[in-house]
Amino acid sequence: MKKVAYSKAATKTLTRMQPAQARRIRDRIMAYAAGEPVDVKRLAGSEFQRIRVGDYRVIVDDDGTVVLVLKVGARGDVYK
């Protein structure tokens, strides 16, 4: 299992979300870190990946040993 680290922006967004939604996002991130199959895609023109969790997207940087969660947000806003 890979280690998971959260950026300051991702932590702030998760703390402001409804607890059930934040838990669902954290569970999906942990599943990705454990190697379980999740809906993940590489972002065009970038080395980052996105994980789809319902209407939310999680932007991550996976270097093989650590999964750095950069951004968490709604589907339309997270890519800006």
N, C-alpha and C. Protein backbone atom coordinates (compact mmCIF):
# COMPACT_ATOMS: atom_id res chain seq x y z
N MET A 1 0.84 -1.18 0.00
CA MET A 1 0.00 0.00 0.00
C MET A 1 0.88 1.24 0.00
N LYS A 2 0.50 2.21 -0.82
CA LYS A 2 1.24 3.46 -0.92
C LYS A 2 0.82 4.41 0.20
N LYS A 3 1.72 5.31 0.56
CA LYS A 3 1.38 6.34 1.54
C LYS A 3 0.54 7.41 0.85
N VAL A 4 -0.31 8.06 1.60
CA VAL A 4 -1.17 9.12 1.08
C VAL A 4 -0.87 10.41 1.81
N ALA A 5 -0.64 11.49 1.05
CA ALA A 5 -0.41 12.81 1.62
C ALA A 5 -1.39 13.79 0.97
N TYR A 6 -1.84 14.75 1.76
CA TYR A 6 -2.82 15.73 1.28
C TYR A 6 -2.19 17.11 1.25
N SER A 7 -2.45 17.87 0.18
CA SER A 7 -2.01 19.26 0.13
C SER A 7 -2.89 20.09 1.04
N LYS A 8 -2.45 21.30 1.32
CA LYS A 8 -3.21 22.18 2.20
C LYS A 8 -4.58 22.50 1.59
N ALA A 9 -4.63 22.73 0.28
CA ALA A 9 -5.90 23.03 -0.40
C ALA A 9 -6.86 21.86 -0.35
N ALA A 10 -6.34 20.64 -0.54
CA ALA A 10 -7.20 19.45 -0.50
C ALA A 10 -7.75 19.22 0.90
N THR A 11 -6.93 19.42 1.92
CA THR A 11 -7.37 19.26 3.30
C THR A 11 -8.46 20.26 3.64
N LYS A 12 -8.27 21.50 3.21
CA LYS A 12 -9.25 22.55 3.47
C LYS A 12 -10.59 22.23 2.81
N THR A 13 -10.55 21.76 1.58
CA THR A 13 -11.78 21.41 0.87
C THR A 13 -12.49 20.25 1.54
N LEU A 14 -11.76 19.23 1.94
CA LEU A 14 -12.37 18.06 2.57
C LEU A 14 -12.98 18.39 3.93
N THR A 15 -12.38 19.29 4.68
CA THR A 15 -12.93 19.64 5.99
C THR A 15 -14.22 20.45 5.86
N ARG A 16 -14.39 21.14 4.75
CA ARG A 16 -15.59 21.96 4.54
C ARG A 16 -16.74 21.18 3.91
N MET A 17 -16.48 19.97 3.46
CA MET A 17 -17.53 19.15 2.83
C MET A 17 -18.41 18.50 3.88
N GLN A 18 -19.53 17.98 3.40
CA GLN A 18 -20.38 17.17 4.27
C GLN A 18 -19.59 15.93 4.67
N PRO A 19 -19.70 15.50 5.92
CA PRO A 19 -18.88 14.37 6.40
C PRO A 19 -19.03 13.09 5.59
N ALA A 20 -20.23 12.77 5.16
CA ALA A 20 -20.43 11.54 4.39
C ALA A 20 -19.72 11.61 3.04
N GLN A 21 -19.78 12.75 2.38
CA GLN A 21 -19.11 12.91 1.08
C GLN A 21 -17.59 12.89 1.25
N ALA A 22 -17.08 13.56 2.27
CA ALA A 22 -15.64 13.57 2.52
C ALA A 22 -15.13 12.15 2.82
N ARG A 23 -15.90 11.40 3.59
CA ARG A 23 -15.52 10.02 3.90
C ARG A 23 -15.49 9.17 2.64
N ARG A 24 -16.46 9.38 1.77
CA ARG A 24 -16.53 8.62 0.51
C ARG A 24 -15.30 8.91 -0.37
N ILE A 25 -14.90 10.18 -0.41
CA ILE A 25 -13.73 10.57 -1.20
C ILE A 25 -12.46 9.97 -0.59
N ARG A 26 -12.32 10.06 0.73
CA ARG A 26 -11.14 9.50 1.40
C ARG A 26 -11.06 7.98 1.20
N ASP A 27 -12.21 7.30 1.25
CA ASP A 27 -12.24 5.86 1.03
C ASP A 27 -11.77 5.51 -0.38
N ARG A 28 -12.18 6.30 -1.37
CA ARG A 28 -11.78 6.04 -2.75
C ARG A 28 -10.29 6.29 -2.94
N ILE A 29 -9.74 7.32 -2.28
CA ILE A 29 -8.31 7.59 -2.36
C ILE A 29 -7.52 6.44 -1.73
N MET A 30 -7.99 5.96 -0.58
CA MET A 30 -7.31 4.84 0.08
C MET A 30 -7.39 3.56 -0.75
N ALA A 31 -8.52 3.35 -1.44
CA ALA A 31 -8.64 2.19 -2.32
C ALA A 31 -7.64 2.28 -3.46
N TYR A 32 -7.45 3.47 -4.02
CA TYR A 32 -6.47 3.67 -5.08
C TYR A 32 -5.06 3.39 -4.56
N ALA A 33 -4.75 3.88 -3.36
CA ALA A 33 -3.43 3.69 -2.77
C ALA A 33 -3.16 2.21 -2.47
N ALA A 34 -4.23 1.46 -2.18
CA ALA A 34 -4.09 0.04 -1.89
C ALA A 34 -4.01 -0.81 -3.16
N GLY A 35 -4.19 -0.19 -4.32
CA GLY A 35 -4.10 -0.93 -5.57
C GLY A 35 -5.41 -1.49 -6.08
N GLU A 36 -6.51 -1.13 -5.44
CA GLU A 36 -7.82 -1.60 -5.90
C GLU A 36 -8.22 -0.82 -7.15
N PRO A 37 -9.06 -1.42 -8.00
CA PRO A 37 -9.48 -0.72 -9.22
C PRO A 37 -10.45 0.43 -8.91
N VAL A 38 -10.11 1.62 -9.38
CA VAL A 38 -10.97 2.80 -9.27
C VAL A 38 -10.97 3.50 -10.62
N ASP A 39 -11.90 4.42 -10.82
CA ASP A 39 -11.99 5.17 -12.07
C ASP A 39 -10.91 6.26 -12.06
N VAL A 40 -9.79 5.97 -12.69
CA VAL A 40 -8.67 6.91 -12.71
C VAL A 40 -8.23 7.13 -14.16
N LYS A 41 -7.85 8.37 -14.48
CA LYS A 41 -7.39 8.72 -15.82
C LYS A 41 -6.22 9.69 -15.70
N ARG A 42 -5.31 9.62 -16.65
CA ARG A 42 -4.23 10.59 -16.71
C ARG A 42 -4.77 11.86 -17.37
N LEU A 43 -4.41 13.01 -16.81
CA LEU A 43 -4.86 14.29 -17.36
C LEU A 43 -4.03 14.63 -18.59
N ALA A 44 -4.69 15.13 -19.62
CA ALA A 44 -4.01 15.48 -20.87
C ALA A 44 -3.05 16.65 -20.63
N GLY A 45 -1.82 16.50 -21.13
CA GLY A 45 -0.83 17.56 -21.00
C GLY A 45 -0.26 17.72 -19.61
N SER A 46 -0.40 16.70 -18.76
CA SER A 46 0.06 16.80 -17.38
C SER A 46 0.49 15.42 -16.90
N GLU A 47 1.31 15.40 -15.86
CA GLU A 47 1.71 14.12 -15.27
C GLU A 47 0.76 13.67 -14.17
N PHE A 48 -0.24 14.49 -13.88
CA PHE A 48 -1.18 14.18 -12.81
C PHE A 48 -2.30 13.27 -13.31
N GLN A 49 -3.02 12.68 -12.34
CA GLN A 49 -4.15 11.82 -12.65
C GLN A 49 -5.37 12.34 -11.91
N ARG A 50 -6.54 11.93 -12.38
CA ARG A 50 -7.77 12.30 -11.68
C ARG A 50 -8.50 11.03 -11.29
N ILE A 51 -9.10 11.07 -10.12
CA ILE A 51 -9.93 9.97 -9.63
C ILE A 51 -11.35 10.50 -9.59
N ARG A 52 -12.26 9.75 -10.17
CA ARG A 52 -13.67 10.15 -10.22
C ARG A 52 -14.41 9.56 -9.02
N VAL A 53 -15.10 10.43 -8.27
CA VAL A 53 -15.91 10.01 -7.12
C VAL A 53 -17.26 10.70 -7.27
N GLY A 54 -18.19 10.09 -7.98
CA GLY A 54 -19.49 10.71 -8.22
C GLY A 54 -19.33 12.00 -9.02
N ASP A 55 -19.85 13.11 -8.49
CA ASP A 55 -19.73 14.41 -9.15
C ASP A 55 -18.46 15.15 -8.76
N TYR A 56 -17.60 14.53 -7.98
CA TYR A 56 -16.36 15.15 -7.53
C TYR A 56 -15.18 14.53 -8.24
N ARG A 57 -14.11 15.31 -8.36
CA ARG A 57 -12.87 14.83 -8.95
C ARG A 57 -11.73 15.10 -7.97
N VAL A 58 -10.78 14.18 -7.92
CA VAL A 58 -9.62 14.30 -7.06
C VAL A 58 -8.39 14.27 -7.96
N ILE A 59 -7.59 15.32 -7.91
CA ILE A 59 -6.37 15.39 -8.71
C ILE A 59 -5.22 14.88 -7.83
N VAL A 60 -4.51 13.85 -8.33
CA VAL A 60 -3.44 13.24 -7.55
C VAL A 60 -2.15 13.17 -8.37
N ASP A 61 -1.04 13.13 -7.66
CA ASP A 61 0.28 12.91 -8.24
C ASP A 61 0.81 11.63 -7.62
N ASP A 62 0.93 10.59 -8.44
CA ASP A 62 1.36 9.28 -7.96
C ASP A 62 2.78 9.02 -8.45
N ASP A 63 3.74 9.01 -7.52
CA ASP A 63 5.13 8.77 -7.91
C ASP A 63 5.58 7.34 -7.65
N GLY A 64 4.68 6.47 -7.28
CA GLY A 64 5.01 5.07 -7.06
C GLY A 64 5.02 4.66 -5.60
N THR A 65 5.45 5.56 -4.71
CA THR A 65 5.47 5.23 -3.29
C THR A 65 4.54 6.11 -2.48
N VAL A 66 4.29 7.34 -2.96
CA VAL A 66 3.43 8.29 -2.26
C VAL A 66 2.38 8.82 -3.23
N VAL A 67 1.13 8.83 -2.79
CA VAL A 67 0.05 9.44 -3.55
C VAL A 67 -0.22 10.80 -2.92
N LEU A 68 0.10 11.87 -3.66
CA LEU A 68 -0.12 13.22 -3.17
C LEU A 68 -1.43 13.74 -3.73
N VAL A 69 -2.39 14.01 -2.85
CA VAL A 69 -3.69 14.55 -3.25
C VAL A 69 -3.53 16.06 -3.36
N LEU A 70 -3.62 16.58 -4.58
CA LEU A 70 -3.39 17.99 -4.83
C LEU A 70 -4.65 18.83 -4.69
N LYS A 71 -5.75 18.35 -5.27
CA LYS A 71 -6.97 19.13 -5.33
C LYS A 71 -8.18 18.22 -5.25
N VAL A 72 -9.22 18.70 -4.60
CA VAL A 72 -10.50 18.00 -4.53
C VAL A 72 -11.56 19.04 -4.85
N GLY A 73 -12.50 18.68 -5.74
CA GLY A 73 -13.53 19.65 -6.05
C GLY A 73 -14.61 19.09 -6.94
N ALA A 74 -15.58 19.95 -7.22
CA ALA A 74 -16.68 19.58 -8.10
C ALA A 74 -16.15 19.37 -9.51
N ARG A 75 -16.87 18.61 -10.26
CA ARG A 75 -16.47 18.19 -11.59
C ARG A 75 -16.03 19.33 -12.49
N GLY A 76 -16.76 20.44 -12.50
CA GLY A 76 -16.44 21.53 -13.42
C GLY A 76 -15.38 22.47 -12.91
N ASP A 77 -15.16 22.55 -11.63
CA ASP A 77 -14.26 23.55 -11.06
C ASP A 77 -12.85 23.06 -10.79
N VAL A 78 -12.65 21.78 -10.66
CA VAL A 78 -11.37 21.27 -10.19
C VAL A 78 -10.26 21.38 -11.23
N TYR A 79 -10.60 21.46 -12.51
CA TYR A 79 -9.58 21.49 -13.55
C TYR A 79 -9.04 22.88 -13.82
N LYS A 80 -9.64 23.90 -13.26
CA LYS A 80 -9.23 25.28 -13.52
C LYS A 80 -8.00 25.66 -12.75
